[in-house]
Amino acid sequence: MLYQGTGAVDLEGWQLIDQSDGAPQFVFPVYLLQPQSSVRVYTNEVHPKSGGFSFQRMTSIWNNSSPDTAPLINPSGETVSTKDYPPGC
């Protein structure tokens, strides 16, 4: 998802969670997300050009037999965005 705000946002404390299982959870460190940009969080790889973030897991997170959702939660605990994943993603 592309951030379309007008100023940089510090993602420190923001979280991604596997909604159906409640885990794993990824908590962002200090990172300034610039307008018109995005970051990616990988299962077990690090790609600096897309933020360099990883859950550091050896198994797929959203490879389920049923649909799943990854909410993006701000430090206040509010869900600000979600991404749905189909079965077997």
Protein backbone atom coordinates (compact mmCIF):
# COMPACT_ATOMS: atom_id res chain seq x y z
CA MET A 1 0.00 0.00 0.00
CA LEU A 2 1.32 3.42 -0.95
CA TYR A 3 1.40 6.07 1.78
CA GLN A 4 -0.32 9.12 0.34
CA GLY A 5 0.08 11.61 3.20
CA THR A 6 1.90 14.92 2.92
CA GLY A 7 4.53 14.47 5.65
CA ALA A 8 6.81 11.69 6.86
CA VAL A 9 5.39 9.23 9.42
CA ASP A 10 7.54 7.51 12.04
CA LEU A 11 6.46 3.86 12.05
CA GLU A 12 8.08 3.10 15.42
CA GLY A 13 5.64 1.01 17.45
CA TRP A 14 3.28 0.28 14.54
CA GLN A 15 2.45 -3.43 14.19
CA LEU A 16 1.52 -6.05 11.63
CA ILE A 17 -0.27 -9.10 13.01
CA ASP A 18 -1.59 -12.37 11.61
CA GLN A 19 -5.21 -11.63 12.55
CA SER A 20 -6.56 -15.20 12.53
CA ASP A 21 -3.80 -16.56 14.79
CA GLY A 22 -2.90 -13.40 16.74
CA ALA A 23 0.76 -14.16 16.00
CA PRO A 24 3.28 -13.64 14.68
CA GLN A 25 3.51 -9.96 15.30
CA PHE A 26 5.95 -7.54 13.70
CA VAL A 27 6.62 -4.26 15.53
CA PHE A 28 8.31 -1.58 13.47
CA PRO A 29 11.48 0.04 14.80
CA VAL A 30 12.15 3.75 14.17
CA TYR A 31 11.55 4.25 10.45
CA LEU A 32 10.41 7.40 8.63
CA LEU A 33 7.94 6.54 5.89
CA GLN A 34 8.04 9.29 3.31
CA PRO A 35 5.03 10.50 1.29
CA GLN A 36 4.36 8.52 -1.89
CA SER A 37 6.41 5.56 -0.64
CA SER A 38 5.84 2.14 0.87
CA VAL A 39 7.65 -0.56 2.84
CA ARG A 40 7.40 -4.35 2.76
CA VAL A 41 7.81 -6.83 5.58
CA TYR A 42 9.00 -10.23 4.42
CA THR A 43 8.64 -13.61 6.10
CA ASN A 44 12.33 -14.49 6.22
CA GLU A 45 14.20 -12.24 3.79
CA VAL A 46 15.68 -8.76 4.04
CA HIS A 47 15.42 -6.39 1.08
CA PRO A 48 16.92 -2.98 1.97
CA LYS A 49 15.35 -1.30 -1.08
CA SER A 50 11.86 -1.98 0.32
CA GLY A 51 12.62 -1.12 3.96
CA GLY A 52 14.69 -4.12 5.05
CA PHE A 53 12.06 -5.58 7.38
CA SER A 54 11.47 -9.26 8.13
CA PHE A 55 9.45 -11.38 10.55
CA GLN A 56 12.54 -13.65 10.68
CA ARG A 57 10.41 -16.80 10.39
CA MET A 58 11.24 -19.98 8.52
CA THR A 59 7.62 -20.78 7.59
CA SER A 60 5.10 -18.78 5.61
CA ILE A 61 2.87 -16.58 7.71
CA TRP A 62 -0.21 -16.28 5.51
CA ASN A 63 -0.13 -19.70 3.85
CA ASN A 64 -3.42 -20.88 5.34
CA SER A 65 -6.22 -23.15 4.17
CA SER A 66 -8.67 -20.28 4.77
CA PRO A 67 -8.52 -16.56 4.00
CA ASP A 68 -6.49 -14.39 6.39
CA THR A 69 -6.02 -10.71 7.13
CA ALA A 70 -2.97 -8.68 8.10
CA PRO A 71 -3.98 -5.53 9.98
CA LEU A 72 -1.66 -2.54 10.32
CA ILE A 73 -2.10 -1.18 13.84
CA ASN A 74 -0.85 2.21 15.03
CA PRO A 75 0.75 2.76 18.47
CA SER A 76 -2.67 3.76 19.88
CA GLY A 77 -4.03 0.29 19.04
CA GLU A 78 -6.19 1.43 16.13
CA THR A 79 -6.32 -0.60 12.92
CA VAL A 80 -5.52 1.86 10.14
CA SER A 81 -5.29 -0.54 7.20
CA THR A 82 -5.75 -4.21 6.36
CA LYS A 83 -4.56 -6.56 3.64
CA ASP A 84 -6.50 -9.75 2.91
CA TYR A 85 -4.74 -12.89 1.74
CA PRO A 86 -6.51 -15.72 -0.09
CA PRO A 87 -6.03 -19.37 0.96
CA GLY A 88 -2.62 -20.75 0.01
CA CYS A 89 -1.09 -17.32 -0.52
